[in-house]
N, C-alpha and C. Protein backbone atom coordinates (compact mmCIF):
# COMPACT_ATOMS: atom_id res chain seq x y z
N MET A 1 0.82 -1.15 -0.08
CA MET A 1 0.00 -0.07 0.07
C MET A 1 0.86 1.16 -0.11
N ARG A 2 0.51 2.04 -0.87
CA ARG A 2 1.20 3.36 -0.82
C ARG A 2 0.12 4.45 -0.94
N LEU A 3 0.11 5.40 -0.09
CA LEU A 3 -0.74 6.44 -0.02
C LEU A 3 -0.54 7.68 -1.28
N THR A 4 -1.46 8.03 -1.87
CA THR A 4 -1.55 9.01 -2.85
C THR A 4 -1.71 10.40 -1.95
N CYS A 5 -1.37 11.51 -2.60
CA CYS A 5 -1.62 12.81 -2.17
C CYS A 5 -3.30 12.97 -1.96
N ARG A 6 -4.09 12.52 -2.70
CA ARG A 6 -5.60 12.50 -2.50
C ARG A 6 -5.98 11.74 -1.20
N SER A 7 -5.46 10.55 -0.82
CA SER A 7 -6.01 10.02 0.34
C SER A 7 -5.46 10.64 1.53
N GLU A 8 -4.00 10.99 1.45
CA GLU A 8 -3.42 11.86 2.62
C GLU A 8 -4.11 13.13 2.93
N TYR A 9 -4.52 13.85 1.75
CA TYR A 9 -5.19 15.15 1.99
C TYR A 9 -6.69 14.94 2.37
N ALA A 10 -7.25 13.90 2.00
CA ALA A 10 -8.51 13.55 2.53
C ALA A 10 -8.53 13.26 4.14
N LEU A 11 -7.70 12.21 4.33
CA LEU A 11 -7.39 12.12 5.83
C LEU A 11 -7.21 13.39 6.54
N LEU A 12 -6.26 14.33 6.22
CA LEU A 12 -6.04 15.57 7.04
C LEU A 12 -7.40 16.34 6.97
N ALA A 13 -7.96 16.48 5.96
CA ALA A 13 -9.17 17.18 6.00
C ALA A 13 -10.20 16.66 6.94
N LEU A 14 -10.30 15.33 6.98
CA LEU A 14 -11.38 14.56 7.87
C LEU A 14 -10.94 14.84 9.31
N VAL A 15 -9.58 14.76 9.70
CA VAL A 15 -9.15 15.03 10.99
C VAL A 15 -9.39 16.46 11.44
N TYR A 16 -9.23 17.50 10.46
CA TYR A 16 -9.46 18.94 10.72
C TYR A 16 -10.82 19.02 11.09
N LEU A 17 -11.87 18.46 10.15
CA LEU A 17 -13.48 18.69 10.43
C LEU A 17 -13.72 17.91 11.63
N ALA A 18 -13.18 16.86 11.97
CA ALA A 18 -13.47 15.96 13.17
C ALA A 18 -13.16 16.91 14.45
N ARG A 19 -11.92 17.62 14.52
CA ARG A 19 -11.65 18.37 15.74
C ARG A 19 -12.67 19.90 15.72
N HIS A 20 -13.23 20.02 14.57
CA HIS A 20 -14.15 21.09 14.61
C HIS A 20 -15.48 20.72 14.53
N GLN A 21 -15.84 19.56 14.95
CA GLN A 21 -17.14 18.84 14.69
C GLN A 21 -18.39 19.66 15.27
N GLY A 22 -18.08 20.33 16.47
CA GLY A 22 -19.36 21.05 16.97
C GLY A 22 -19.75 22.28 16.42
N GLU A 23 -18.81 22.75 15.54
CA GLU A 23 -19.05 24.02 14.75
C GLU A 23 -20.07 23.75 13.40
N THR A 24 -20.49 24.70 12.76
CA THR A 24 -21.29 24.79 11.72
C THR A 24 -20.35 24.20 10.69
N PHE A 25 -20.58 24.91 9.39
CA PHE A 25 -19.99 24.43 8.17
C PHE A 25 -18.57 24.99 8.06
N ILE A 26 -17.44 24.40 7.86
CA ILE A 26 -16.13 24.90 7.81
C ILE A 26 -15.90 25.35 6.36
N PRO A 27 -15.43 26.47 5.90
CA PRO A 27 -15.22 26.84 4.53
C PRO A 27 -13.89 26.12 4.14
N VAL A 28 -13.74 25.92 2.78
CA VAL A 28 -12.53 25.22 1.97
C VAL A 28 -11.46 26.01 2.38
N PRO A 29 -11.35 27.20 2.26
CA PRO A 29 -9.96 27.90 2.53
C PRO A 29 -9.49 27.99 3.88
N ALA A 30 -10.54 27.78 4.82
CA ALA A 30 -9.97 27.32 6.36
C ALA A 30 -9.27 26.14 6.41
N ILE A 31 -9.99 25.08 5.80
CA ILE A 31 -9.54 23.62 6.00
C ILE A 31 -8.01 23.67 5.31
N ALA A 32 -8.17 24.41 4.03
CA ALA A 32 -6.89 24.27 3.08
C ALA A 32 -5.70 25.03 3.76
N ALA A 33 -5.82 26.19 4.49
CA ALA A 33 -4.85 26.92 5.13
C ALA A 33 -4.40 26.11 6.26
N ALA A 34 -5.27 25.50 7.08
CA ALA A 34 -4.85 24.87 8.30
C ALA A 34 -4.06 23.62 8.15
N GLN A 35 -4.31 22.87 7.06
CA GLN A 35 -3.74 21.66 6.86
C GLN A 35 -2.72 21.76 5.46
N GLY A 36 -2.52 22.85 4.88
CA GLY A 36 -1.52 22.97 4.06
C GLY A 36 -1.89 22.38 2.67
N ILE A 37 -3.20 22.41 2.17
CA ILE A 37 -3.60 21.75 1.03
C ILE A 37 -4.00 22.60 0.03
N PRO A 38 -3.65 22.54 -1.16
CA PRO A 38 -4.08 23.53 -2.44
C PRO A 38 -5.72 23.42 -2.34
N PRO A 39 -6.15 24.75 -2.25
CA PRO A 39 -7.70 24.68 -2.21
C PRO A 39 -8.43 24.20 -3.27
N LYS A 40 -7.99 24.28 -4.56
CA LYS A 40 -8.69 23.68 -5.89
C LYS A 40 -8.57 22.16 -5.54
N PHE A 41 -7.42 21.59 -5.31
CA PHE A 41 -7.37 20.15 -5.11
C PHE A 41 -8.19 19.63 -3.92
N LEU A 42 -8.38 20.47 -2.81
CA LEU A 42 -9.08 20.07 -1.76
C LEU A 42 -10.55 20.09 -2.13
N GLU A 43 -10.91 21.01 -2.86
CA GLU A 43 -12.42 20.94 -3.28
C GLU A 43 -12.86 19.65 -4.13
N GLN A 44 -11.97 19.25 -4.79
CA GLN A 44 -12.17 18.04 -5.59
C GLN A 44 -12.29 16.83 -4.57
N ILE A 45 -11.51 16.90 -3.69
CA ILE A 45 -11.33 15.72 -2.59
C ILE A 45 -12.48 15.75 -1.79
N LEU A 46 -12.94 16.93 -1.34
CA LEU A 46 -14.17 17.10 -0.42
C LEU A 46 -15.46 16.82 -1.42
N LEU A 47 -15.47 17.10 -2.38
CA LEU A 47 -16.81 16.65 -3.37
C LEU A 47 -16.68 15.22 -3.34
N SER A 48 -15.65 14.37 -3.41
CA SER A 48 -15.64 12.98 -3.57
C SER A 48 -16.19 12.27 -2.28
N LEU A 49 -15.65 13.05 -1.22
CA LEU A 49 -15.97 12.46 0.25
C LEU A 49 -17.54 12.80 0.47
N ARG A 50 -17.92 13.98 -0.03
CA ARG A 50 -19.58 14.43 0.05
C ARG A 50 -20.39 13.36 -0.74
N LEU A 51 -19.81 12.94 -1.98
CA LEU A 51 -20.54 11.86 -2.89
C LEU A 51 -20.54 10.54 -2.12
N ALA A 52 -19.54 10.30 -1.55
CA ALA A 52 -19.44 8.86 -0.68
C ALA A 52 -20.20 8.96 0.50
N LYS A 53 -20.89 10.21 0.98
CA LYS A 53 -21.54 10.25 2.12
C LYS A 53 -20.81 10.42 3.44
N TYR A 54 -19.59 10.87 3.30
CA TYR A 54 -18.75 11.21 4.57
C TYR A 54 -18.95 12.59 4.99
N LEU A 55 -19.45 13.46 4.21
CA LEU A 55 -19.55 15.03 4.40
C LEU A 55 -20.98 15.45 4.01
N HIS A 56 -21.39 16.44 4.84
CA HIS A 56 -22.36 17.21 4.14
C HIS A 56 -21.72 18.66 3.78
N SER A 57 -22.48 19.39 2.86
CA SER A 57 -21.82 20.65 2.27
C SER A 57 -23.04 21.64 2.30
N SER A 58 -22.76 22.99 2.32
CA SER A 58 -23.73 23.97 2.45
C SER A 58 -22.95 24.97 1.55
N LYS A 59 -23.72 25.57 0.87
CA LYS A 59 -23.22 26.75 -0.18
C LYS A 59 -23.64 28.14 0.57
N GLY A 60 -23.00 29.11 -0.02
CA GLY A 60 -23.27 30.52 0.45
C GLY A 60 -22.27 31.17 1.57
N LYS A 61 -22.75 32.30 1.98
CA LYS A 61 -21.85 32.92 2.85
C LYS A 61 -21.22 32.04 4.10
N ASN A 62 -21.96 31.32 4.80
CA ASN A 62 -21.62 30.57 5.73
C ASN A 62 -21.52 29.09 5.39
N GLY A 63 -21.23 28.90 4.19
CA GLY A 63 -21.05 27.61 3.53
C GLY A 63 -19.73 26.92 3.92
N GLY A 64 -19.71 25.57 3.58
CA GLY A 64 -18.45 24.85 3.84
C GLY A 64 -18.87 23.34 4.01
N PHE A 65 -18.14 22.87 4.74
CA PHE A 65 -18.33 21.24 4.98
C PHE A 65 -18.29 20.92 6.37
N ARG A 66 -18.90 19.84 6.68
CA ARG A 66 -18.88 19.21 8.01
C ARG A 66 -19.19 17.67 7.88
N LEU A 67 -18.86 16.86 8.87
CA LEU A 67 -18.80 15.56 8.78
C LEU A 67 -20.24 15.28 8.83
N ALA A 68 -20.77 14.09 7.94
CA ALA A 68 -21.80 13.56 7.91
C ALA A 68 -22.28 12.42 8.83
N LYS A 69 -21.04 11.85 9.23
CA LYS A 69 -21.14 10.75 10.34
C LYS A 69 -20.26 11.08 11.60
N PRO A 70 -20.45 10.42 12.45
CA PRO A 70 -19.36 10.82 13.56
C PRO A 70 -18.03 10.29 13.27
N ALA A 71 -17.06 11.06 13.72
CA ALA A 71 -15.63 10.74 13.52
C ALA A 71 -15.19 9.28 13.88
N ASP A 72 -15.88 8.71 15.03
CA ASP A 72 -15.58 7.29 15.52
C ASP A 72 -16.30 6.36 14.58
N LYS A 73 -16.96 6.64 13.67
CA LYS A 73 -17.64 5.65 12.76
C LYS A 73 -16.99 5.91 11.34
N ILE A 74 -15.90 6.59 11.09
CA ILE A 74 -15.09 6.60 9.91
C ILE A 74 -13.81 5.96 10.08
N THR A 75 -13.48 4.95 9.22
CA THR A 75 -12.16 4.20 9.54
C THR A 75 -11.16 4.69 8.51
N LEU A 76 -10.02 4.77 8.85
CA LEU A 76 -8.95 4.91 7.73
C LEU A 76 -9.04 4.04 6.71
N ALA A 77 -9.18 2.80 7.04
CA ALA A 77 -9.41 1.75 5.67
C ALA A 77 -10.30 2.22 4.81
N GLU A 78 -11.49 2.73 5.16
CA GLU A 78 -12.71 2.97 4.27
C GLU A 78 -12.22 4.24 3.24
N ILE A 79 -11.45 5.19 4.01
CA ILE A 79 -11.16 6.48 3.29
C ILE A 79 -10.12 6.23 2.35
N ILE A 80 -9.05 5.26 2.69
CA ILE A 80 -7.92 4.86 2.00
C ILE A 80 -8.50 4.19 0.67
N ARG A 81 -9.28 3.16 0.86
CA ARG A 81 -9.87 2.48 -0.28
C ARG A 81 -10.59 3.18 -1.11
N LEU A 82 -11.30 4.31 -0.62
CA LEU A 82 -11.97 5.09 -1.40
C LEU A 82 -11.24 5.93 -2.65
N PHE A 83 -9.99 6.31 -2.13
CA PHE A 83 -9.11 7.10 -2.85
C PHE A 83 -8.05 6.15 -3.70
N ASP A 84 -7.71 5.24 -3.06
CA ASP A 84 -6.34 4.42 -3.26
C ASP A 84 -6.61 2.98 -3.86
N GLY A 85 -7.85 2.46 -3.50
CA GLY A 85 -8.01 1.23 -3.83
C GLY A 85 -7.64 0.21 -2.72
N ALA A 86 -6.74 -1.09 -3.03
CA ALA A 86 -6.41 -1.94 -2.14
C ALA A 86 -5.42 -1.57 -1.11
N LEU A 87 -5.58 -2.21 0.07
CA LEU A 87 -4.69 -1.93 1.15
C LEU A 87 -3.54 -2.97 0.93
N ALA A 88 -3.79 -3.93 0.25
CA ALA A 88 -2.78 -5.13 0.08
C ALA A 88 -1.66 -4.56 -0.70
N PRO A 89 -0.46 -5.11 -0.56
CA PRO A 89 0.77 -4.69 -1.20
C PRO A 89 0.78 -5.18 -2.68
N THR A 90 -0.07 -6.11 -3.04
CA THR A 90 -0.28 -6.50 -4.54
C THR A 90 -1.63 -6.93 -4.70
N GLU A 91 -2.22 -6.76 -5.92
CA GLU A 91 -3.48 -7.00 -6.20
C GLU A 91 -3.90 -8.66 -6.03
N SER A 92 -3.05 -9.38 -6.17
CA SER A 92 -3.37 -10.76 -5.92
C SER A 92 -3.54 -11.25 -4.47
N ALA A 93 -3.02 -10.35 -3.52
CA ALA A 93 -3.25 -10.66 -2.27
C ALA A 93 -4.51 -9.77 -1.66
N SER A 94 -5.28 -9.13 -2.52
CA SER A 94 -6.26 -8.33 -1.88
C SER A 94 -7.59 -9.06 -1.81
N LYS A 95 -8.33 -8.75 -0.74
CA LYS A 95 -9.61 -9.22 -0.62
C LYS A 95 -10.57 -8.60 -1.47
N TYR A 96 -10.53 -7.25 -1.60
CA TYR A 96 -11.71 -6.60 -2.26
C TYR A 96 -11.34 -6.17 -3.80
N PHE A 97 -9.82 -6.15 -4.08
CA PHE A 97 -9.59 -5.62 -5.24
C PHE A 97 -8.72 -6.61 -6.05
N TYR A 98 -9.04 -8.07 -5.84
CA TYR A 98 -8.36 -9.03 -6.49
C TYR A 98 -8.12 -8.94 -8.01
N GLU A 99 -6.83 -9.00 -8.41
CA GLU A 99 -6.44 -9.06 -9.97
C GLU A 99 -5.34 -10.20 -9.78
N PRO A 100 -5.12 -11.02 -10.74
CA PRO A 100 -4.03 -11.94 -10.86
C PRO A 100 -2.59 -11.13 -11.12
N THR A 101 -1.57 -11.61 -10.49
CA THR A 101 -0.35 -11.26 -10.74
C THR A 101 0.65 -12.18 -10.85
N PRO A 102 2.01 -11.80 -11.33
CA PRO A 102 2.91 -12.67 -11.42
C PRO A 102 3.52 -13.44 -10.07
N ILE A 103 3.31 -12.75 -8.92
CA ILE A 103 3.44 -13.16 -7.56
C ILE A 103 3.07 -14.56 -7.28
N GLU A 104 1.86 -14.79 -7.79
CA GLU A 104 1.01 -15.90 -7.39
C GLU A 104 1.73 -17.23 -7.68
N LYS A 105 2.64 -17.11 -8.53
CA LYS A 105 3.60 -18.49 -8.86
C LYS A 105 4.21 -18.77 -7.66
N GLU A 106 4.59 -18.03 -6.94
CA GLU A 106 5.36 -18.47 -5.47
C GLU A 106 4.39 -18.35 -4.29
N GLY A 107 3.89 -19.45 -3.95
CA GLY A 107 2.87 -19.45 -2.74
C GLY A 107 3.27 -19.00 -1.44
N LYS A 108 4.48 -19.02 -1.08
CA LYS A 108 4.98 -18.50 0.04
C LYS A 108 5.17 -16.93 0.10
N LEU A 109 5.59 -16.60 -1.28
CA LEU A 109 5.58 -15.03 -1.14
C LEU A 109 4.14 -14.44 -1.11
N LEU A 110 3.14 -15.08 -1.81
CA LEU A 110 1.81 -14.77 -1.69
C LEU A 110 1.32 -14.68 -0.40
N ALA A 111 1.61 -15.79 0.33
CA ALA A 111 1.16 -15.92 1.73
C ALA A 111 1.67 -14.84 2.73
N LEU A 112 2.94 -14.62 2.47
CA LEU A 112 3.69 -13.33 3.25
C LEU A 112 2.86 -12.12 3.10
N PHE A 113 2.51 -11.88 1.50
CA PHE A 113 1.83 -10.61 1.40
C PHE A 113 0.55 -10.45 1.91
N LYS A 114 -0.10 -11.82 2.02
CA LYS A 114 -1.51 -11.81 2.62
C LYS A 114 -1.56 -11.39 4.22
N GLU A 115 -0.43 -12.12 4.73
CA GLU A 115 -0.14 -11.65 6.08
C GLU A 115 0.00 -10.10 6.17
N VAL A 116 0.91 -9.46 5.63
CA VAL A 116 1.00 -8.05 5.64
C VAL A 116 -0.34 -7.45 5.33
N ARG A 117 -1.14 -7.87 4.35
CA ARG A 117 -2.28 -7.20 4.09
C ARG A 117 -3.39 -7.37 5.32
N ASP A 118 -3.36 -8.57 5.91
CA ASP A 118 -4.27 -8.90 7.14
C ASP A 118 -3.82 -7.74 8.24
N TYR A 119 -2.44 -7.78 8.53
CA TYR A 119 -2.32 -6.89 9.54
C TYR A 119 -2.52 -5.37 9.34
N LEU A 120 -2.25 -5.04 8.16
CA LEU A 120 -2.52 -3.63 7.83
C LEU A 120 -3.94 -3.38 7.59
N SER A 121 -4.66 -4.20 7.16
CA SER A 121 -6.21 -3.89 7.13
C SER A 121 -6.80 -4.02 8.38
N ASP A 122 -6.38 -5.07 9.14
CA ASP A 122 -7.02 -4.99 10.63
C ASP A 122 -6.75 -3.62 11.31
N ARG A 123 -5.64 -3.14 11.26
CA ARG A 123 -4.97 -1.98 12.04
C ARG A 123 -5.88 -0.83 11.34
N MET A 124 -6.07 -0.69 10.11
CA MET A 124 -6.61 0.47 9.58
C MET A 124 -8.27 0.32 9.74
N GLU A 125 -8.74 -0.93 9.78
CA GLU A 125 -10.20 -1.09 10.22
C GLU A 125 -10.51 -0.74 11.57
N ARG A 126 -9.54 -0.81 12.24
CA ARG A 126 -9.83 -0.47 13.86
C ARG A 126 -9.45 0.93 14.10
N THR A 127 -8.87 1.66 13.42
CA THR A 127 -8.50 2.95 13.73
C THR A 127 -9.40 3.89 12.93
N THR A 128 -10.01 4.98 13.75
CA THR A 128 -11.20 5.84 13.00
C THR A 128 -10.47 7.31 13.23
N ILE A 129 -11.01 8.29 12.43
CA ILE A 129 -10.69 9.60 12.21
C ILE A 129 -10.69 10.12 13.88
N ALA A 130 -11.70 9.72 14.75
CA ALA A 130 -11.75 10.10 16.06
C ALA A 130 -10.48 9.86 16.76
N ASP A 131 -9.75 8.54 16.34
CA ASP A 131 -8.64 8.09 17.20
C ASP A 131 -7.58 8.89 16.77
N VAL A 132 -7.24 9.55 15.57
CA VAL A 132 -6.10 10.27 15.24
C VAL A 132 -6.34 11.84 15.32
N ALA A 133 -7.70 12.30 15.42
CA ALA A 133 -7.92 13.69 15.61
C ALA A 133 -7.63 14.35 17.01
C-alpha cells in the first residue's frame, strides 16, 4: 500500500473537520490553510467525500463542509480504499480488489503478502478518524 496525495489530503481534511465537529460548516479556505492543502485540489477531494456520504456541504456565505457521520464511525481503511483502492501490497493478495499477478506463482511469497495485508487492514479497520484527531 502506498498512499496518494488524494488520500493523505482526505485524511487531513477529515481530521480537521473532526476537531471542529461542534461548529457549523467549515469553509474550504480554512481547511486548506490549516492543513496546507491546495484549495482547488481540496475542493475535488471534499466533493468525492461528500458523494461518498462522509460529508455534508452548504453553499453561500456561511457555507463549507462538515462530517456527515461521527468521526468514530469513519475508519482509515474506508477512506484509503475510496481514494487508493486495495490496502494489500499486491492485487493478488487483495480481498476486495483481487487481480491476478505474477507473484501468485510463488505460494510462500503470496502468503507473506496476505499476512501483511491482514495486519495492515486490521489496523486500519480498527483506527477511526476520531482516534487520530
